[in-house]
Amino acid sequence: MLFAKFKSITTDQLKEELDHHPTIVDVREKFEYQAGHIPAAINLPLSGLADEVQHFSKDQPWYLICRSGARSKRAAMFLSKAGYKVINVRGGMNAWDGPVK
């Protein structure tokens, strides 16, 4: 049995990583993403993640964010079990006070 293994960071820690151009995946639904998101984030809703996972590279880390951190944690569990390098952003957009597009 595979166990989910992933790191969780705060939004402040994510801000420190922005200079390194991390791949940020916003797992909220499209309407939530369109209402405001981190400028560099790509939208890949949790509801369609299983269908899109083949587009993920296993060679790089994926920073996962949602509204509060619950959906991104579920996405991180799913992806880490599948062998992907993922980092969950605790607190999600509720905790984010940086630039929003």
PDB file of N, CA and C in Angstrom:
ATOM      1  N   MET A   1       0.838  -1.189   0.000  1.00  0.00           N
ATOM      2  CA  MET A   1       0.000   0.000   0.000  1.00  0.00           C
ATOM      3  C   MET A   1       0.879   1.248   0.000  1.00  0.00           C
ATOM      4  N   LEU A   2       0.582   2.170  -0.879  1.00  0.00           N
ATOM      5  CA  LEU A   2       1.336   3.420  -0.947  1.00  0.00           C
ATOM      6  C   LEU A   2       0.744   4.435   0.010  1.00  0.00           C
ATOM      7  N   PHE A   3       1.609   5.149   0.699  1.00  0.00           N
ATOM      8  CA  PHE A   3       1.164   6.202   1.594  1.00  0.00           C
ATOM      9  C   PHE A   3       1.468   7.551   0.970  1.00  0.00           C
ATOM     10  N   ALA A   4       0.583   8.487   1.184  1.00  0.00           N
ATOM     11  CA  ALA A   4       0.784   9.838   0.666  1.00  0.00           C
ATOM     12  C   ALA A   4       1.926  10.490   1.428  1.00  0.00           C
ATOM     13  N   LYS A   5       2.875  11.025   0.685  1.00  0.00           N
ATOM     14  CA  LYS A   5       4.005  11.719   1.283  1.00  0.00           C
ATOM     15  C   LYS A   5       4.170  13.036   0.561  1.00  0.00           C
ATOM     16  N   PHE A   6       3.883  14.110   1.264  1.00  0.00           N
ATOM     17  CA  PHE A   6       4.056  15.412   0.660  1.00  0.00           C
ATOM     18  C   PHE A   6       4.325  16.434   1.748  1.00  0.00           C
ATOM     19  N   LYS A   7       4.887  17.526   1.324  1.00  0.00           N
ATOM     20  CA  LYS A   7       5.226  18.625   2.213  1.00  0.00           C
ATOM     21  C   LYS A   7       4.095  19.656   2.168  1.00  0.00           C
ATOM     22  N   SER A   8       3.871  20.331   3.272  1.00  0.00           N
ATOM     23  CA  SER A   8       2.937  21.451   3.307  1.00  0.00           C
ATOM     24  C   SER A   8       3.703  22.696   3.717  1.00  0.00           C
ATOM     25  N   ILE A   9       3.363  23.816   3.072  1.00  0.00           N
ATOM     26  CA  ILE A   9       4.002  25.089   3.396  1.00  0.00           C
ATOM     27  C   ILE A   9       2.922  26.148   3.599  1.00  0.00           C
ATOM     28  N   THR A  10       3.328  27.272   4.150  1.00  0.00           N
ATOM     29  CA  THR A  10       2.412  28.393   4.333  1.00  0.00           C
ATOM     30  C   THR A  10       2.431  29.272   3.087  1.00  0.00           C
ATOM     31  N   THR A  11       1.486  30.183   3.007  1.00  0.00           N
ATOM     32  CA  THR A  11       1.473  31.112   1.874  1.00  0.00           C
ATOM     33  C   THR A  11       2.700  32.018   1.917  1.00  0.00           C
ATOM     34  N   ASP A  12       3.177  32.348   3.103  1.00  0.00           N
ATOM     35  CA  ASP A  12       4.399  33.163   3.202  1.00  0.00           C
ATOM     36  C   ASP A  12       5.600  32.401   2.633  1.00  0.00           C
ATOM     37  N   GLN A  13       5.666  31.105   2.886  1.00  0.00           N
ATOM     38  CA  GLN A  13       6.749  30.307   2.326  1.00  0.00           C
ATOM     39  C   GLN A  13       6.631  30.214   0.804  1.00  0.00           C
ATOM     40  N   LEU A  14       5.402  30.140   0.307  1.00  0.00           N
ATOM     41  CA  LEU A  14       5.206  30.128  -1.141  1.00  0.00           C
ATOM     42  C   LEU A  14       5.707  31.435  -1.747  1.00  0.00           C
ATOM     43  N   LYS A  15       5.423  32.550  -1.100  1.00  0.00           N
ATOM     44  CA  LYS A  15       5.893  33.852  -1.605  1.00  0.00           C
ATOM     45  C   LYS A  15       7.410  33.875  -1.735  1.00  0.00           C
ATOM     46  N   GLU A  16       8.114  33.235  -0.800  1.00  0.00           N
ATOM     47  CA  GLU A  16       9.576  33.163  -0.862  1.00  0.00           C
ATOM     48  C   GLU A  16      10.037  32.349  -2.067  1.00  0.00           C
ATOM     49  N   GLU A  17       9.224  31.424  -2.525  1.00  0.00           N
ATOM     50  CA  GLU A  17       9.562  30.571  -3.662  1.00  0.00           C
ATOM     51  C   GLU A  17       9.258  31.227  -5.008  1.00  0.00           C
ATOM     52  N   LEU A  18       8.473  32.294  -5.029  1.00  0.00           N
ATOM     53  CA  LEU A  18       8.021  32.884  -6.286  1.00  0.00           C
ATOM     54  C   LEU A  18       9.165  33.328  -7.195  1.00  0.00           C
ATOM     55  N   ASP A  19      10.282  33.760  -6.618  1.00  0.00           N
ATOM     56  CA  ASP A  19      11.438  34.162  -7.429  1.00  0.00           C
ATOM     57  C   ASP A  19      12.011  32.986  -8.221  1.00  0.00           C
ATOM     58  N   HIS A  20      11.732  31.765  -7.780  1.00  0.00           N
ATOM     59  CA  HIS A  20      12.241  30.563  -8.448  1.00  0.00           C
ATOM     60  C   HIS A  20      11.242  30.022  -9.463  1.00  0.00           C
ATOM     61  N   HIS A  21      10.172  30.760  -9.702  1.00  0.00           N
ATOM     62  CA  HIS A  21       9.143  30.422 -10.693  1.00  0.00           C
ATOM     63  C   HIS A  21       8.568  29.015 -10.506  1.00  0.00           C
ATOM     64  N   PRO A  22       8.005  28.761  -9.324  1.00  0.00           N
ATOM     65  CA  PRO A  22       7.418  27.433  -9.102  1.00  0.00           C
ATOM     66  C   PRO A  22       6.168  27.238  -9.955  1.00  0.00           C
ATOM     67  N   THR A  23       5.822  26.001 -10.193  1.00  0.00           N
ATOM     68  CA  THR A  23       4.585  25.697 -10.893  1.00  0.00           C
ATOM     69  C   THR A  23       3.483  25.614  -9.846  1.00  0.00           C
ATOM     70  N   ILE A  24       2.574  26.572  -9.892  1.00  0.00           N
ATOM     71  CA  ILE A  24       1.478  26.648  -8.928  1.00  0.00           C
ATOM     72  C   ILE A  24       0.209  26.187  -9.627  1.00  0.00           C
ATOM     73  N   VAL A  25      -0.443  25.202  -9.029  1.00  0.00           N
ATOM     74  CA  VAL A  25      -1.683  24.665  -9.573  1.00  0.00           C
ATOM     75  C   VAL A  25      -2.814  25.010  -8.613  1.00  0.00           C
ATOM     76  N   ASP A  26      -3.757  25.786  -9.105  1.00  0.00           N
ATOM     77  CA  ASP A  26      -4.934  26.172  -8.336  1.00  0.00           C
ATOM     78  C   ASP A  26      -6.002  25.121  -8.628  1.00  0.00           C
ATOM     79  N   VAL A  27      -6.383  24.349  -7.606  1.00  0.00           N
ATOM     80  CA  VAL A  27      -7.311  23.241  -7.811  1.00  0.00           C
ATOM     81  C   VAL A  27      -8.773  23.627  -7.549  1.00  0.00           C
ATOM     82  N   ARG A  28      -9.040  24.920  -7.444  1.00  0.00           N
ATOM     83  CA  ARG A  28     -10.426  25.371  -7.289  1.00  0.00           C
ATOM     84  C   ARG A  28     -11.149  25.266  -8.630  1.00  0.00           C
ATOM     85  N   GLU A  29     -12.455  25.377  -8.574  1.00  0.00           N
ATOM     86  CA  GLU A  29     -13.250  25.361  -9.799  1.00  0.00           C
ATOM     87  C   GLU A  29     -12.966  26.622 -10.615  1.00  0.00           C
ATOM     88  N   LYS A  30     -13.262  26.560 -11.899  1.00  0.00           N
ATOM     89  CA  LYS A  30     -12.940  27.646 -12.829  1.00  0.00           C
ATOM     90  C   LYS A  30     -13.514  28.991 -12.383  1.00  0.00           C
ATOM     91  N   PHE A  31     -14.762  29.021 -11.918  1.00  0.00           N
ATOM     92  CA  PHE A  31     -15.379  30.286 -11.507  1.00  0.00           C
ATOM     93  C   PHE A  31     -14.663  30.884 -10.295  1.00  0.00           C
ATOM     94  N   GLU A  32     -14.135  30.043  -9.416  1.00  0.00           N
ATOM     95  CA  GLU A  32     -13.388  30.537  -8.259  1.00  0.00           C
ATOM     96  C   GLU A  32     -12.051  31.129  -8.706  1.00  0.00           C
ATOM     97  N   TYR A  33     -11.392  30.418  -9.595  1.00  0.00           N
ATOM     98  CA  TYR A  33     -10.110  30.856 -10.146  1.00  0.00           C
ATOM     99  C   TYR A  33     -10.277  32.191 -10.867  1.00  0.00           C
ATOM    100  N   GLN A  34     -11.344  32.307 -11.655  1.00  0.00           N
ATOM    101  CA  GLN A  34     -11.585  33.536 -12.411  1.00  0.00           C
ATOM    102  C   GLN A  34     -11.884  34.720 -11.500  1.00  0.00           C
ATOM    103  N   ALA A  35     -12.364  34.470 -10.313  1.00  0.00           N
ATOM    104  CA  ALA A  35     -12.663  35.544  -9.359  1.00  0.00           C
ATOM    105  C   ALA A  35     -11.391  36.122  -8.736  1.00  0.00           C
ATOM    106  N   GLY A  36     -10.269  35.433  -8.892  1.00  0.00           N
ATOM    107  CA  GLY A  36      -8.993  35.914  -8.376  1.00  0.00           C
ATOM    108  C   GLY A  36      -8.066  34.764  -8.053  1.00  0.00           C
ATOM    109  N   HIS A  37      -6.828  34.886  -8.525  1.00  0.00           N
ATOM    110  CA  HIS A  37      -5.841  33.827  -8.312  1.00  0.00           C
ATOM    111  C   HIS A  37      -4.441  34.415  -8.287  1.00  0.00           C
ATOM    112  N   ILE A  38      -3.494  33.628  -7.858  1.00  0.00           N
ATOM    113  CA  ILE A  38      -2.089  34.019  -7.891  1.00  0.00           C
ATOM    114  C   ILE A  38      -1.714  34.160  -9.364  1.00  0.00           C
ATOM    115  N   PRO A  39      -1.086  35.269  -9.757  1.00  0.00           N
ATOM    116  CA  PRO A  39      -0.829  35.522 -11.184  1.00  0.00           C
ATOM    117  C   PRO A  39      -0.199  34.373 -11.969  1.00  0.00           C
ATOM    118  N   ALA A  40       0.721  33.645 -11.413  1.00  0.00           N
ATOM    119  CA  ALA A  40       1.408  32.590 -12.159  1.00  0.00           C
ATOM    120  C   ALA A  40       0.690  31.236 -12.098  1.00  0.00           C
ATOM    121  N   ALA A  41      -0.404  31.145 -11.365  1.00  0.00           N
ATOM    122  CA  ALA A  41      -1.071  29.858 -11.155  1.00  0.00           C
ATOM    123  C   ALA A  41      -1.841  29.379 -12.379  1.00  0.00           C
ATOM    124  N   ILE A  42      -1.799  28.058 -12.568  1.00  0.00           N
ATOM    125  CA  ILE A  42      -2.614  27.432 -13.601  1.00  0.00           C
ATOM    126  C   ILE A  42      -3.834  26.829 -12.901  1.00  0.00           C
ATOM    127  N   ASN A  43      -4.948  26.829 -13.580  1.00  0.00           N
ATOM    128  CA  ASN A  43      -6.172  26.278 -13.008  1.00  0.00           C
ATOM    129  C   ASN A  43      -6.374  24.854 -13.482  1.00  0.00           C
ATOM    130  N   LEU A  44      -6.431  23.944 -12.534  1.00  0.00           N
ATOM    131  CA  LEU A  44      -6.710  22.545 -12.806  1.00  0.00           C
ATOM    132  C   LEU A  44      -7.595  22.055 -11.663  1.00  0.00           C
ATOM    133  N   PRO A  45      -8.907  22.197 -11.823  1.00  0.00           N
ATOM    134  CA  PRO A  45      -9.829  21.858 -10.730  1.00  0.00           C
ATOM    135  C   PRO A  45      -9.675  20.426 -10.232  1.00  0.00           C
ATOM    136  N   LEU A  46      -9.806  20.274  -8.940  1.00  0.00           N
ATOM    137  CA  LEU A  46      -9.730  18.957  -8.320  1.00  0.00           C
ATOM    138  C   LEU A  46     -10.722  18.001  -8.972  1.00  0.00           C
ATOM    139  N   SER A  47     -11.878  18.508  -9.364  1.00  0.00           N
ATOM    140  CA  SER A  47     -12.909  17.659  -9.962  1.00  0.00           C
ATOM    141  C   SER A  47     -12.463  17.004 -11.265  1.00  0.00           C
ATOM    142  N   GLY A  48     -11.465  17.536 -11.936  1.00  0.00           N
ATOM    143  CA  GLY A  48     -10.976  16.960 -13.181  1.00  0.00           C
ATOM    144  C   GLY A  48      -9.533  16.493 -13.105  1.00  0.00           C
ATOM    145  N   LEU A  49      -8.976  16.510 -11.927  1.00  0.00           N
ATOM    146  CA  LEU A  49      -7.555  16.205 -11.748  1.00  0.00           C
ATOM    147  C   LEU A  49      -7.187  14.805 -12.235  1.00  0.00           C
ATOM    148  N   ALA A  50      -7.991  13.816 -11.935  1.00  0.00           N
ATOM    149  CA  ALA A  50      -7.676  12.437 -12.332  1.00  0.00           C
ATOM    150  C   ALA A  50      -7.551  12.305 -13.847  1.00  0.00           C
ATOM    151  N   ASP A  51      -8.347  13.099 -14.583  1.00  0.00           N
ATOM    152  CA  ASP A  51      -8.295  13.042 -16.046  1.00  0.00           C
ATOM    153  C   ASP A  51      -7.084  13.779 -16.622  1.00  0.00           C
ATOM    154  N   GLU A  52      -6.523  14.694 -15.866  1.00  0.00           N
ATOM    155  CA  GLU A  52      -5.436  15.535 -16.368  1.00  0.00           C
ATOM    156  C   GLU A  52      -4.060  15.165 -15.817  1.00  0.00           C
ATOM    157  N   VAL A  53      -3.995  14.236 -14.897  1.00  0.00           N
ATOM    158  CA  VAL A  53      -2.747  13.934 -14.203  1.00  0.00           C
ATOM    159  C   VAL A  53      -1.615  13.541 -15.151  1.00  0.00           C
ATOM    160  N   GLN A  54      -1.939  12.951 -16.296  1.00  0.00           N
ATOM    161  CA  GLN A  54      -0.880  12.530 -17.229  1.00  0.00           C
ATOM    162  C   GLN A  54      -0.097  13.716 -17.781  1.00  0.00           C
ATOM    163  N   HIS A  55      -0.624  14.933 -17.650  1.00  0.00           N
ATOM    164  CA  HIS A  55       0.082  16.121 -18.125  1.00  0.00           C
ATOM    165  C   HIS A  55       1.106  16.640 -17.110  1.00  0.00           C
ATOM    166  N   PHE A  56       1.104  16.075 -15.927  1.00  0.00           N
ATOM    167  CA  PHE A  56       2.036  16.490 -14.885  1.00  0.00           C
ATOM    168  C   PHE A  56       3.379  15.801 -15.098  1.00  0.00           C
ATOM    169  N   SER A  57       4.443  16.521 -14.856  1.00  0.00           N
ATOM    170  CA  SER A  57       5.775  15.931 -14.876  1.00  0.00           C
ATOM    171  C   SER A  57       6.093  15.434 -13.471  1.00  0.00           C
ATOM    172  N   LYS A  58       6.671  14.273 -13.390  1.00  0.00           N
ATOM    173  CA  LYS A  58       7.072  13.745 -12.085  1.00  0.00           C
ATOM    174  C   LYS A  58       8.451  14.258 -11.678  1.00  0.00           C
ATOM    175  N   ASP A  59       9.071  15.047 -12.551  1.00  0.00           N
ATOM    176  CA  ASP A  59      10.425  15.533 -12.297  1.00  0.00           C
ATOM    177  C   ASP A  59      10.484  16.875 -11.588  1.00  0.00           C
ATOM    178  N   GLN A  60       9.365  17.529 -11.428  1.00  0.00           N
ATOM    179  CA  GLN A  60       9.377  18.850 -10.799  1.00  0.00           C
ATOM    180  C   GLN A  60       8.305  18.901  -9.721  1.00  0.00           C
ATOM    181  N   PRO A  61       8.484  19.769  -8.744  1.00  0.00           N
ATOM    182  CA  PRO A  61       7.450  19.900  -7.712  1.00  0.00           C
ATOM    183  C   PRO A  61       6.274  20.748  -8.208  1.00  0.00           C
ATOM    184  N   TRP A  62       5.082  20.409  -7.738  1.00  0.00           N
ATOM    185  CA  TRP A  62       3.858  21.130  -8.049  1.00  0.00           C
ATOM    186  C   TRP A  62       3.325  21.709  -6.751  1.00  0.00           C
ATOM    187  N   TYR A  63       3.141  23.009  -6.713  1.00  0.00           N
ATOM    188  CA  TYR A  63       2.596  23.689  -5.542  1.00  0.00           C
ATOM    189  C   TYR A  63       1.084  23.765  -5.722  1.00  0.00           C
ATOM    190  N   LEU A  64       0.349  23.164  -4.813  1.00  0.00           N
ATOM    191  CA  LEU A  64      -1.101  23.058  -4.934  1.00  0.00           C
ATOM    192  C   LEU A  64      -1.797  24.016  -3.968  1.00  0.00           C
ATOM    193  N   ILE A  65      -2.757  24.774  -4.485  1.00  0.00           N
ATOM    194  CA  ILE A  65      -3.484  25.737  -3.668  1.00  0.00           C
ATOM    195  C   ILE A  65      -4.968  25.687  -4.009  1.00  0.00           C
ATOM    196  N   CYS A  66      -5.793  25.993  -3.034  1.00  0.00           N
ATOM    197  CA  CYS A  66      -7.241  26.086  -3.238  1.00  0.00           C
ATOM    198  C   CYS A  66      -7.751  27.260  -2.400  1.00  0.00           C
ATOM    199  N   ARG A  67      -8.983  27.214  -1.956  1.00  0.00           N
ATOM    200  CA  ARG A  67      -9.526  28.315  -1.159  1.00  0.00           C
ATOM    201  C   ARG A  67      -8.993  28.280   0.265  1.00  0.00           C
ATOM    202  N   SER A  68      -9.084  27.112   0.913  1.00  0.00           N
ATOM    203  CA  SER A  68      -8.705  27.030   2.322  1.00  0.00           C
ATOM    204  C   SER A  68      -7.588  26.034   2.614  1.00  0.00           C
ATOM    205  N   GLY A  69      -7.277  25.179   1.675  1.00  0.00           N
ATOM    206  CA  GLY A  69      -6.244  24.165   1.873  1.00  0.00           C
ATOM    207  C   GLY A  69      -6.778  22.743   1.903  1.00  0.00           C
ATOM    208  N   ALA A  70      -8.092  22.578   1.982  1.00  0.00           N
ATOM    209  CA  ALA A  70      -8.668  21.231   2.056  1.00  0.00           C
ATOM    210  C   ALA A  70      -8.592  20.500   0.713  1.00  0.00           C
ATOM    211  N   ARG A  71      -9.015  21.155  -0.362  1.00  0.00           N
ATOM    212  CA  ARG A  71      -8.974  20.504  -1.683  1.00  0.00           C
ATOM    213  C   ARG A  71      -7.539  20.291  -2.144  1.00  0.00           C
ATOM    214  N   SER A  72      -6.669  21.258  -1.865  1.00  0.00           N
ATOM    215  CA  SER A  72      -5.275  21.081  -2.281  1.00  0.00           C
ATOM    216  C   SER A  72      -4.627  19.934  -1.515  1.00  0.00           C
ATOM    217  N   LYS A  73      -5.040  19.730  -0.277  1.00  0.00           N
ATOM    218  CA  LYS A  73      -4.507  18.596   0.495  1.00  0.00           C
ATOM    219  C   LYS A  73      -4.993  17.281  -0.116  1.00  0.00           C
ATOM    220  N   ARG A  74      -6.255  17.221  -0.517  1.00  0.00           N
ATOM    221  CA  ARG A  74      -6.767  16.006  -1.171  1.00  0.00           C
ATOM    222  C   ARG A  74      -6.024  15.761  -2.491  1.00  0.00           C
ATOM    223  N   ALA A  75      -5.797  16.838  -3.241  1.00  0.00           N
ATOM    224  CA  ALA A  75      -5.051  16.715  -4.500  1.00  0.00           C
ATOM    225  C   ALA A  75      -3.627  16.243  -4.229  1.00  0.00           C
ATOM    226  N   ALA A  76      -3.013  16.773  -3.191  1.00  0.00           N
ATOM    227  CA  ALA A  76      -1.640  16.376  -2.840  1.00  0.00           C
ATOM    228  C   ALA A  76      -1.583  14.903  -2.457  1.00  0.00           C
ATOM    229  N   MET A  77      -2.570  14.433  -1.718  1.00  0.00           N
ATOM    230  CA  MET A  77      -2.608  13.014  -1.345  1.00  0.00           C
ATOM    231  C   MET A  77      -2.722  12.137  -2.587  1.00  0.00           C
ATOM    232  N   PHE A  78      -3.615  12.496  -3.482  1.00  0.00           N
ATOM    233  CA  PHE A  78      -3.825  11.737  -4.711  1.00  0.00           C
ATOM    234  C   PHE A  78      -2.557  11.717  -5.569  1.00  0.00           C
ATOM    235  N   LEU A  79      -1.986  12.890  -5.809  1.00  0.00           N
ATOM    236  CA  LEU A  79      -0.821  12.987  -6.689  1.00  0.00           C
ATOM    237  C   LEU A  79       0.422  12.351  -6.083  1.00  0.00           C
ATOM    238  N   SER A  80       0.623  12.521  -4.779  1.00  0.00           N
ATOM    239  CA  SER A  80       1.812  11.930  -4.155  1.00  0.00           C
ATOM    240  C   SER A  80       1.734  10.402  -4.184  1.00  0.00           C
ATOM    241  N   LYS A  81       0.543   9.847  -4.015  1.00  0.00           N
ATOM    242  CA  LYS A  81       0.383   8.382  -4.125  1.00  0.00           C
ATOM    243  C   LYS A  81       0.708   7.899  -5.532  1.00  0.00           C
ATOM    244  N   ALA A  82       0.498   8.771  -6.515  1.00  0.00           N
ATOM    245  CA  ALA A  82       0.787   8.419  -7.910  1.00  0.00           C
ATOM    246  C   ALA A  82       2.249   8.693  -8.273  1.00  0.00           C
ATOM    247  N   GLY A  83       3.043   9.155  -7.319  1.00  0.00           N
ATOM    248  CA  GLY A  83       4.470   9.346  -7.558  1.00  0.00           C
ATOM    249  C   GLY A  83       4.897  10.746  -7.951  1.00  0.00           C
ATOM    250  N   TYR A  84       4.013  11.719  -7.809  1.00  0.00           N
ATOM    251  CA  TYR A  84       4.345  13.095  -8.167  1.00  0.00           C
ATOM    252  C   TYR A  84       4.899  13.838  -6.964  1.00  0.00           C
ATOM    253  N   LYS A  85       5.759  14.809  -7.240  1.00  0.00           N
ATOM    254  CA  LYS A  85       6.312  15.683  -6.201  1.00  0.00           C
ATOM    255  C   LYS A  85       5.335  16.843  -6.019  1.00  0.00           C
ATOM    256  N   VAL A  86       4.703  16.899  -4.873  1.00  0.00           N
ATOM    257  CA  VAL A  86       3.717  17.945  -4.636  1.00  0.00           C
ATOM    258  C   VAL A  86       3.953  18.623  -3.298  1.00  0.00           C
ATOM    259  N   ILE A  87       3.563  19.887  -3.253  1.00  0.00           N
ATOM    260  CA  ILE A  87       3.659  20.682  -2.037  1.00  0.00           C
ATOM    261  C   ILE A  87       2.310  21.351  -1.848  1.00  0.00           C
ATOM    262  N   ASN A  88       1.689  21.079  -0.721  1.00  0.00           N
ATOM    263  CA  ASN A  88       0.395  21.663  -0.394  1.00  0.00           C
ATOM    264  C   ASN A  88       0.595  23.033   0.248  1.00  0.00           C
ATOM    265  N   VAL A  89      -0.211  24.009  -0.160  1.00  0.00           N
ATOM    266  CA  VAL A  89      -0.145  25.351   0.434  1.00  0.00           C
ATOM    267  C   VAL A  89      -1.271  25.455   1.457  1.00  0.00           C
ATOM    268  N   ARG A  90      -0.876  25.432   2.750  1.00  0.00           N
ATOM    269  CA  ARG A  90      -1.849  25.499   3.848  1.00  0.00           C
ATOM    270  C   ARG A  90      -2.539  26.861   3.881  1.00  0.00           C
ATOM    271  N   GLY A  91      -3.816  26.839   4.157  1.00  0.00           N
ATOM    272  CA  GLY A  91      -4.571  28.088   4.278  1.00  0.00           C
ATOM    273  C   GLY A  91      -5.106  28.602   2.964  1.00  0.00           C
ATOM    274  N   GLY A  92      -4.533  28.152   1.857  1.00  0.00           N
ATOM    275  CA  GLY A  92      -5.001  28.510   0.528  1.00  0.00           C
ATOM    276  C   GLY A  92      -5.132  30.002   0.274  1.00  0.00           C
ATOM    277  N   MET A  93      -6.040  30.329  -0.623  1.00  0.00           N
ATOM    278  CA  MET A  93      -6.249  31.726  -1.000  1.00  0.00           C
ATOM    279  C   MET A  93      -6.808  32.549   0.162  1.00  0.00           C
ATOM    280  N   ASN A  94      -7.456  31.892   1.122  1.00  0.00           N
ATOM    281  CA  ASN A  94      -7.928  32.617   2.315  1.00  0.00           C
ATOM    282  C   ASN A  94      -6.754  33.236   3.079  1.00  0.00           C
ATOM    283  N   ALA A  95      -5.602  32.585   3.040  1.00  0.00           N
ATOM    284  CA  ALA A  95      -4.422  33.070   3.759  1.00  0.00           C
ATOM    285  C   ALA A  95      -3.505  33.929   2.875  1.00  0.00           C
ATOM    286  N   TRP A  96      -3.749  33.936   1.590  1.00  0.00           N
ATOM    287  CA  TRP A  96      -2.894  34.661   0.640  1.00  0.00           C
ATOM    288  C   TRP A  96      -3.191  36.147   0.711  1.00  0.00           C
ATOM    289  N   ASP A  97      -2.161  36.944   0.877  1.00  0.00           N
ATOM    290  CA  ASP A  97      -2.357  38.403   0.843  1.00  0.00           C
ATOM    291  C   ASP A  97      -1.404  39.066  -0.134  1.00  0.00           C
ATOM    292  N   GLY A  98      -0.993  38.292  -1.113  1.00  0.00           N
ATOM    293  CA  GLY A  98      -0.104  38.808  -2.151  1.00  0.00           C
ATOM    294  C   GLY A  98      -0.902  39.271  -3.358  1.00  0.00           C
ATOM    295  N   PRO A  99      -0.212  39.505  -4.469  1.00  0.00           N
ATOM    296  CA  PRO A  99      -0.901  39.951  -5.686  1.00  0.00           C
ATOM    297  C   PRO A  99      -1.889  38.905  -6.186  1.00  0.00           C
ATOM    298  N   VAL A 100      -3.007  39.388  -6.684  1.00  0.00           N
ATOM    299  CA  VAL A 100      -4.043  38.522  -7.243  1.00  0.00           C
ATOM    300  C   VAL A 100      -4.388  39.050  -8.619  1.00  0.00           C
ATOM    301  N   LYS A 101      -4.542  38.148  -9.542  1.00  0.00           N
ATOM    302  CA  LYS A 101      -4.869  38.507 -10.915  1.00  0.00           C
ATOM    303  C   LYS A 101      -6.360  38.336 -11.116  1.00  0.00           C
TER     304      LYS A 101
END
